[in-house]
Protein backbone atom coordinates (compact mmCIF):
# COMPACT_ATOMS: atom_id res chain seq x y z
CA MET A 1 0.00 0.00 0.00
CA LEU A 2 2.86 2.33 0.86
CA GLY A 3 6.50 2.15 -0.08
CA HIS A 4 8.16 3.62 3.01
CA LYS A 5 11.38 1.90 4.08
CA LYS A 6 11.36 3.41 7.55
CA SER A 7 8.77 3.43 10.28
CA LEU A 8 5.87 1.05 9.67
CA LEU A 9 6.15 -0.99 6.48
CA PHE A 10 3.10 -1.87 4.41
CA PRO A 11 2.73 -4.35 1.55
CA ARG A 12 2.32 -2.87 -1.92
CA LEU A 13 -0.90 -2.78 -3.92
CA VAL A 14 -0.16 -3.91 -7.48
CA HIS A 15 -2.59 -3.02 -10.28
CA LEU A 16 -2.99 -6.09 -12.48
CA GLN A 17 -4.52 -5.14 -15.80
CA LYS A 18 -3.18 -2.85 -18.50
CA GLU A 19 -6.44 -2.85 -20.44
CA GLU A 20 -10.06 -2.40 -19.41
CA VAL A 21 -11.64 -5.45 -17.76
CA LYS A 22 -15.37 -5.91 -17.20
CA ASP A 23 -17.26 -8.08 -14.73
CA TYR A 24 -20.15 -10.43 -15.46
CA LYS A 25 -22.51 -7.43 -15.57
CA GLY A 26 -20.33 -5.60 -18.07
CA GLN A 27 -19.06 -3.06 -15.50
CA LEU A 28 -15.43 -1.99 -15.39
CA VAL A 29 -13.29 -3.43 -12.58
CA ASN A 30 -9.91 -2.46 -11.12
CA LEU A 31 -8.06 -5.61 -10.10
CA TYR A 32 -5.19 -5.60 -7.63
CA ARG A 33 -3.12 -8.03 -5.63
CA LEU A 34 -1.10 -7.42 -2.47
CA ASP A 35 2.66 -7.83 -2.81
CA TRP A 36 4.28 -8.60 0.57
CA SER A 37 7.72 -9.49 -0.81
CA GLY A 38 9.31 -6.03 -0.63
CA MET A 39 8.07 -5.37 2.90
CA GLU A 40 9.22 -8.75 4.21
CA LYS A 41 12.59 -8.46 2.48
CA ILE A 42 13.26 -5.18 4.30
CA LEU A 43 12.09 -6.62 7.62
CA GLN A 44 14.39 -9.61 7.18
CA GLU A 45 17.33 -7.39 6.23
CA ASN A 46 16.72 -5.20 9.29
CA TYR A 47 16.44 -8.26 11.53
CA GLU A 48 19.67 -9.77 10.26
CA ALA A 49 21.53 -6.44 10.32
CA SER A 50 20.52 -5.77 13.94
CA ASP A 51 21.76 -9.25 14.87
CA ARG A 52 25.14 -8.63 13.26
CA ASN A 53 25.43 -5.22 14.90
CA ARG A 54 24.64 -6.64 18.30
CA ALA A 55 27.18 -9.45 17.94
CA ASP A 56 29.84 -6.92 16.91
CA GLN A 57 29.05 -4.68 19.89
CA LEU A 58 29.24 -7.55 22.35
CA LEU A 59 32.50 -8.92 21.01
CA LYS A 60 34.10 -5.49 20.91
CA LYS A 61 33.01 -4.43 24.39
CA TRP A 62 32.99 -7.58 26.52
CA GLU A 63 34.95 -10.39 24.91
CA GLU A 64 38.29 -9.47 26.48
CA PRO A 65 37.15 -8.78 30.08
CA LEU A 66 34.57 -11.57 30.25
CA GLY A 67 35.64 -14.16 27.73
CA ALA A 68 33.92 -15.11 24.51
CA THR A 69 31.87 -17.81 26.20
CA LEU A 70 29.62 -15.18 27.81
CA CYS A 71 28.72 -13.65 24.48
CA PRO A 72 25.35 -15.11 23.49
CA PRO A 73 24.79 -16.91 20.18
CA LYS A 74 23.23 -15.05 17.31
CA ASP A 75 19.47 -14.70 17.19
CA PRO A 76 17.65 -17.51 15.38
CA PRO A 77 16.92 -17.05 11.66
CA PHE A 78 14.08 -14.88 10.41
CA PHE A 79 10.75 -16.67 10.93
CA PRO A 80 7.75 -16.28 8.58
CA ALA A 81 4.69 -14.74 10.20
CA LEU A 82 2.11 -17.17 8.81
CA PRO A 83 1.88 -20.88 8.00
CA ALA A 84 2.69 -21.65 4.36
CA LYS A 85 -0.98 -22.30 3.48
CA GLN A 86 -2.07 -18.90 4.75
CA VAL A 87 0.81 -17.18 2.95
CA LYS A 88 -0.33 -18.86 -0.27
CA ASN A 89 -3.94 -17.83 0.39
CA LEU A 90 -3.02 -14.18 0.81
CA ASP A 91 -0.55 -14.06 -2.07
CA SER A 92 -3.13 -15.49 -4.47
CA CYS A 93 -5.98 -13.15 -3.46
CA ILE A 94 -7.36 -10.73 -6.04
CA PHE A 95 -9.13 -7.51 -5.04
CA ASN A 96 -11.53 -5.38 -7.05
CA ILE A 97 -10.90 -1.97 -5.51
CA LYS A 98 -13.11 0.94 -6.45
CA PRO A 99 -11.59 4.46 -6.31
CA ASN A 100 -13.38 5.42 -3.08
CA TYR A 101 -12.15 2.23 -1.38
CA ARG A 102 -8.60 2.73 -2.66
CA ASN A 103 -8.50 6.32 -1.43
CA GLU A 104 -9.69 5.31 2.04
CA ILE A 105 -7.29 2.35 2.26
CA LEU A 106 -4.33 4.55 1.37
CA ARG A 107 -5.49 7.35 3.68
CA ASN A 108 -5.64 5.02 6.66
CA ALA A 109 -2.28 3.47 5.83
CA LYS A 110 -0.69 6.94 5.63
CA ARG A 111 -2.35 7.99 8.89
CA ALA A 112 -0.99 4.89 10.59
CA VAL A 113 2.55 5.77 9.51
CA ALA A 114 2.13 9.42 10.55
CA GLU A 115 0.75 8.47 13.98
CA HIS A 116 3.46 5.87 14.49
CA ASP A 117 6.23 8.38 13.71
CA ILE A 118 5.11 10.88 16.36
CA GLU A 119 7.54 10.98 19.29
CA ARG A 120 5.51 10.78 22.48
CA LYS A 121 7.41 11.45 25.69
CA PHE A 122 4.90 9.93 28.07
CA ASP A 123 5.00 7.06 30.49
CA THR A 124 4.41 3.53 29.22
CA ASN A 125 0.65 3.43 29.81
CA ILE A 126 0.02 6.70 27.97
CA ARG A 127 2.23 5.68 25.04
CA GLU A 128 0.31 2.43 24.75
CA MET A 129 -2.98 4.34 24.76
CA CYS A 130 -1.74 6.64 21.99
CA GLN A 131 -0.61 3.62 20.00
CA GLN A 132 -4.26 2.60 19.65
CA THR A 133 -4.72 5.24 16.94
CA VAL A 134 -2.03 3.51 14.87
CA GLU A 135 -3.59 0.10 15.41
CA ALA A 136 -7.05 1.37 14.46
CA HIS A 137 -5.88 2.88 11.16
CA VAL A 138 -4.03 -0.33 10.25
CA GLU A 139 -7.09 -2.45 11.06
CA VAL A 140 -9.41 -0.24 9.00
CA ALA A 141 -7.06 -0.33 5.99
CA PHE A 142 -6.89 -4.13 5.90
CA SER A 143 -10.59 -4.58 6.68
CA LEU A 144 -11.51 -2.37 3.73
CA LEU A 145 -9.15 -4.33 1.53
CA ALA A 146 -10.67 -7.66 2.62
CA ASP A 147 -14.10 -6.30 1.73
CA CYS A 148 -12.87 -6.03 -1.87
CA PHE A 149 -11.97 -9.75 -2.12
CA TYR A 150 -12.84 -10.82 -5.67
CA ASP A 151 -13.65 -14.15 -7.32
CA ILE A 152 -11.70 -13.91 -10.57
CA ASN A 153 -13.35 -17.06 -11.99
CA GLU A 154 -16.89 -15.79 -11.48
CA MET A 155 -15.89 -12.16 -12.07
CA LYS A 156 -17.81 -10.96 -9.03
CA PHE A 157 -17.12 -10.22 -5.38
CA SER A 158 -16.38 -13.38 -3.45
CA ARG A 159 -19.10 -15.07 -1.43
CA ASP A 160 -16.62 -17.17 0.54
CA TYR A 161 -17.51 -15.50 3.82
CA VAL A 162 -15.15 -17.65 5.87
CA LEU A 163 -12.15 -16.48 3.85
CA LYS A 164 -13.40 -12.88 3.90
CA PHE A 165 -13.69 -13.11 7.70
CA MET A 166 -10.22 -14.65 8.11
CA MET A 167 -8.43 -12.47 5.59
CA PRO A 168 -8.05 -9.28 7.67
CA LYS A 169 -6.84 -11.41 10.60
CA TRP A 170 -4.14 -13.04 8.49
CA MET A 171 -3.16 -9.68 6.98
CA LEU A 172 -2.98 -7.98 10.38
CA PHE A 173 -0.95 -10.84 11.82
CA ARG A 174 1.45 -10.81 8.86
CA PHE A 175 1.73 -7.02 9.07
CA TRP A 176 2.46 -6.77 12.80
CA PHE A 177 4.50 -9.92 13.42
CA HIS A 178 7.94 -8.42 12.82
CA GLN A 179 6.91 -4.82 13.57
CA THR A 180 5.89 -5.12 17.22
CA GLY A 181 6.35 -7.48 20.15
CA TRP A 182 5.21 -10.96 19.13
CA GLY A 183 3.32 -11.30 22.42
CA LEU A 184 0.94 -8.57 21.19
CA VAL A 185 0.31 -9.78 17.64
CA TRP A 186 -2.39 -12.35 18.46
CA ASP A 187 -4.65 -9.69 19.98
CA LEU A 188 -3.84 -7.09 17.31
CA ALA A 189 -4.93 -9.56 14.63
CA LYS A 190 -8.19 -10.22 16.55
CA PHE A 191 -7.65 -13.96 16.88
CA ASN A 192 -8.84 -13.63 20.47
CA GLU A 193 -12.22 -12.56 19.06
CA LEU A 194 -12.32 -15.66 16.86
CA GLU A 195 -11.65 -17.80 19.93
CA ASP A 196 -14.56 -16.09 21.69
CA ASN A 197 -16.81 -16.65 18.69
CA LEU A 198 -16.04 -20.37 18.61
CA ASN A 199 -17.11 -20.58 22.24
CA ASP A 200 -20.41 -18.82 21.46
CA ASN A 201 -23.06 -21.41 20.59
CA GLU A 202 -25.37 -18.83 19.04
CA TRP A 203 -22.62 -17.56 16.73
CA CYS A 204 -21.67 -21.13 15.75
CA GLU A 205 -25.30 -21.98 14.91
CA ARG A 206 -25.63 -18.82 12.84
CA VAL A 207 -22.56 -19.45 10.64
CA GLY A 208 -23.18 -23.20 10.32
CA ARG A 209 -21.27 -26.36 11.11
CA ASP A 210 -19.11 -26.40 7.97
CA SER A 211 -17.96 -22.82 8.58
CA VAL A 212 -17.21 -23.54 12.24
CA GLU A 213 -15.01 -26.47 11.19
CA ARG A 214 -13.09 -24.25 8.77
CA TYR A 215 -12.71 -21.45 11.34
CA ASN A 216 -11.50 -23.94 13.91
CA LYS A 217 -8.97 -25.44 11.51
CA TYR A 218 -7.58 -22.02 10.62
CA LEU A 219 -7.33 -21.13 14.32
CA LEU A 220 -5.51 -24.37 15.19
CA ASP A 221 -3.10 -23.80 12.28
CA MET A 222 -2.25 -20.36 13.65
CA GLN A 223 -1.83 -21.63 17.20
CA ALA A 224 0.48 -24.38 15.95
CA ASN A 225 2.49 -21.79 14.03
CA MET A 226 2.91 -19.71 17.21
CA GLU A 227 4.08 -22.82 19.07
CA ASP A 228 6.63 -23.45 16.32
CA TYR A 229 7.84 -19.87 16.66
CA GLU A 230 8.28 -20.19 20.42
CA LYS A 231 10.38 -23.31 19.86
CA HIS A 232 12.29 -21.49 17.12
CA ILE A 233 13.37 -18.74 19.53
CA GLY A 234 13.96 -21.16 22.39
CA TRP A 235 10.87 -20.40 24.46
CA ASP A 236 9.00 -23.64 23.91
CA ASP A 237 8.49 -23.96 27.68
CA CYS A 238 7.21 -20.42 28.26
CA ASN A 239 3.55 -21.41 28.33
CA GLY A 240 3.81 -24.62 30.30
CA GLU A 241 1.78 -27.63 29.29
CA LYS A 242 -1.12 -27.20 26.90
CA GLU A 243 -4.59 -27.94 28.08
CA ILE A 244 -7.31 -29.02 25.67
CA ASP A 245 -10.75 -27.78 26.60
CA GLU A 246 -13.37 -29.97 24.92
CA LYS A 247 -16.03 -27.30 25.43
CA SER A 248 -14.07 -24.85 23.31
CA LYS A 249 -14.46 -26.97 20.17
CA GLY A 250 -10.86 -28.07 19.97
CA THR A 251 -9.15 -24.71 20.48
CA ILE A 252 -5.98 -24.77 22.56
CA LYS A 253 -6.03 -22.92 25.87
CA MET A 254 -2.86 -21.66 27.51
CA PRO A 255 -2.86 -21.52 31.32
CA VAL A 256 -0.35 -18.69 31.65
CA ASP A 257 -1.64 -15.13 31.83
CA ALA A 258 -0.84 -13.30 28.59
CA ILE A 259 0.91 -10.48 30.40
CA LEU A 260 3.78 -12.83 31.23
CA ASP A 261 4.41 -13.39 27.53
CA ASN A 262 4.34 -9.65 26.90
CA LEU A 263 6.83 -8.97 29.68
CA LEU A 264 9.16 -11.72 28.46
CA GLU A 265 9.03 -10.16 25.02
CA GLU A 266 9.96 -6.76 26.52
CA PHE A 267 12.98 -8.31 28.24
CA THR A 268 14.06 -9.94 24.98
CA GLU A 269 13.90 -6.58 23.19
CA LEU A 270 15.85 -4.96 26.03
CA TYR A 271 18.54 -7.64 25.71
CA ARG A 272 18.78 -7.20 21.94
CA ARG A 273 19.23 -3.44 22.02
CA ASN A 274 21.42 -3.06 25.13
CA SER A 275 25.07 -4.07 24.75
CA ASN A 276 25.60 -3.97 28.53
CA ILE A 277 23.46 -7.09 28.87
CA VAL A 278 25.69 -9.91 27.67
CA SER A 279 23.26 -12.78 28.20
CA LEU A 280 19.58 -13.40 28.90
CA ASP A 281 18.38 -16.44 30.82
CA VAL A 282 14.74 -17.21 31.58
CA ALA A 283 14.22 -19.43 34.65
CA HIS A 284 10.80 -20.91 35.34
CA VAL A 285 10.20 -21.18 39.07
CA ASN A 286 7.32 -22.65 41.02
CA SER A 287 7.41 -21.62 44.66
CA LYS A 288 5.22 -24.56 45.65
CA MET A 289 7.40 -27.25 44.06
CA PRO A 290 11.10 -28.19 44.39
CA PHE A 291 13.49 -27.33 41.59
CA GLU A 292 17.19 -27.75 40.88
CA LEU A 293 19.11 -24.93 39.27
CA ASP A 294 22.57 -23.45 39.72
CA LYS A 295 23.19 -21.83 43.10
CA SER A 296 22.85 -18.22 42.00
CA VAL A 297 19.45 -18.80 40.46
CA THR A 298 18.33 -20.90 43.40
CA ASP A 299 19.20 -18.15 45.88
CA ILE A 300 17.51 -15.52 43.70
CA ALA A 301 14.46 -17.72 43.38
CA TYR A 302 14.35 -18.06 47.16
CA VAL A 303 13.95 -14.31 47.45
CA PHE A 304 11.74 -14.17 44.40
CA SER A 305 9.22 -16.68 45.71
CA ARG A 306 8.88 -15.15 49.18
CA ARG A 307 9.20 -11.38 48.85
CA ASN A 308 7.54 -8.74 46.69
CA ASN A 309 9.37 -5.69 48.03
CA MET A 310 12.56 -4.09 46.77
CA VAL A 311 15.70 -6.14 47.42
CA PRO A 312 18.75 -3.85 46.89
CA ASP A 313 21.43 -6.48 46.32
CA MET A 314 22.96 -9.72 47.55
CA VAL A 315 26.47 -11.12 47.30
CA ILE A 316 26.73 -14.76 46.25
CA GLU A 317 30.17 -16.35 45.86
CA GLY A 318 31.79 -13.10 44.77
CA GLU A 319 29.06 -12.17 42.30
CA LYS A 320 26.84 -9.19 42.98
CA ILE A 321 23.19 -10.07 42.47
CA THR A 322 20.76 -7.19 42.06
CA VAL A 323 17.05 -7.92 42.23
CA PRO A 324 15.36 -4.68 41.08
CA ASN A 325 11.85 -5.92 41.84
CA VAL A 326 9.49 -8.85 41.92
CA TYR A 327 5.84 -8.54 40.96
CA SER A 328 2.76 -10.59 41.48
CA ILE A 329 0.40 -9.86 38.59
CA LYS A 330 -2.86 -11.27 39.88
CA SER A 331 -4.58 -7.88 40.13
CA LYS A 332 -4.95 -5.18 37.48
CA GLN A 333 -3.03 -2.70 39.62
CA GLU A 334 -0.12 -5.11 39.97
CA GLN A 335 -0.18 -5.69 36.22
CA GLU A 336 0.12 -1.96 35.63
CA ASN A 337 3.01 -1.75 38.10
CA SER A 338 4.81 -4.67 36.47
CA LYS A 339 4.92 -2.85 33.13
CA ASN A 340 7.63 -0.60 34.57
CA LEU A 341 9.82 -3.55 35.57
CA CYS A 342 11.69 -3.74 32.27
CA LYS A 343 12.11 0.05 32.23
CA ASN A 344 13.59 0.00 35.75
CA VAL A 345 16.06 -2.72 34.78
CA GLU A 346 17.12 -0.80 31.68
CA GLY A 347 17.61 2.41 33.68
CA PHE A 348 19.77 0.62 36.24
CA VAL A 349 21.93 -1.09 33.60
CA ASN A 350 22.48 2.11 31.60
CA LYS A 351 23.38 4.06 34.73
CA GLU A 352 25.94 1.51 35.90
CA ASN A 353 27.38 0.90 32.40
CA ARG A 354 28.75 -2.51 33.38
CA PRO A 355 28.28 -5.99 31.95
CA TYR A 356 25.41 -8.03 33.35
CA ILE A 357 23.75 -11.35 32.84
CA LEU A 358 20.02 -10.77 33.02
CA LYS A 359 17.98 -13.53 34.61
CA VAL A 360 14.21 -13.30 34.33
CA LEU A 361 12.32 -15.49 36.79
CA VAL A 362 8.76 -16.56 36.10
CA ASP A 363 6.42 -18.28 38.54
CA GLU A 364 3.60 -19.38 36.26
CA LYS A 365 1.48 -20.93 38.99
CA ASP A 366 1.42 -17.88 41.28
CA LEU A 367 1.64 -15.43 38.34
CA LYS A 368 4.78 -13.66 39.51
CA ILE A 369 7.71 -12.30 37.55
CA GLY A 370 11.05 -10.86 38.65
CA ALA A 371 14.42 -9.89 37.21
CA ALA A 372 17.92 -10.47 38.56
CA LEU A 373 21.16 -8.95 37.31
CA ILE A 374 24.44 -10.77 37.82
CA GLN A 375 27.31 -8.29 37.68
CA PHE A 376 30.93 -9.22 36.93
């Protein structure tokens, strides 16, 4: 839709015909397809370049004083946003876009970029609220485009209402996947609404059994793709064991509160952009069950599982352990407070300007999260 190489990246609308084309009623049509290749090529180049830059920074700054073994491995390869079948579905779609639709699609895409590029010096909660204007413009642009889905064989607007319903979700997911935290993409693409619909008997009766089966299959494909991504980045244990709820028509339910995933994603981004953090380790702790980890993590977990107040620092076998904070996130207020945890860690690390190993501790049963910094 837009060709910007900075800020938000959009796929490109490609006009297909050079000559006039008419539909089955003899009316002129304007046929387009959506080309994602340029956008995804830039995103992959940016991803790989940032990985190389980070590796160079780490080796230059910390290899001599700490040893090369502390420098983390490179990030895993670029991962496609959608399963191959959904990529094929989107790439093969044809759209009959009338001038008023095209103007509104482009207007919303441009507004999304303009809103995204505004520098907002607010606290985290206010910035997130302002970000909703960007998300709304993106959603409107892709929803309008999906409404133009065209059946090229019949030369009329498609009546495949399942595909028309799924299309904006796939497009939003593909758009946001490498342009925001992956813990947010599921909600931004409205797959949570599809899950709710499949649990609504009235909705299921209205759309019909065959449609429900197709919706459910598409949802399970997307959930499986997200599981593959978590394994790809080494977080296959982040959500604990899967639980199948028969009442939810086969959809997969995750027992861990979504805010944990979002916070883990924030810590990963912090690690990637901050050369003072030489390694990131995620330890999963359950305060009600025994566990065996190395001594430093065990001692941190002891504090983590029993205290929620500020713990200035501890000394363990010559290593200084700083525990900036530990949060329980059972209440909404605690969830709001926990959003500043990553920011507090970053502020501390930048102020000290020393190398740290960052350990993030997650208690999935009691819904608590904490961070520990090991300083050398």
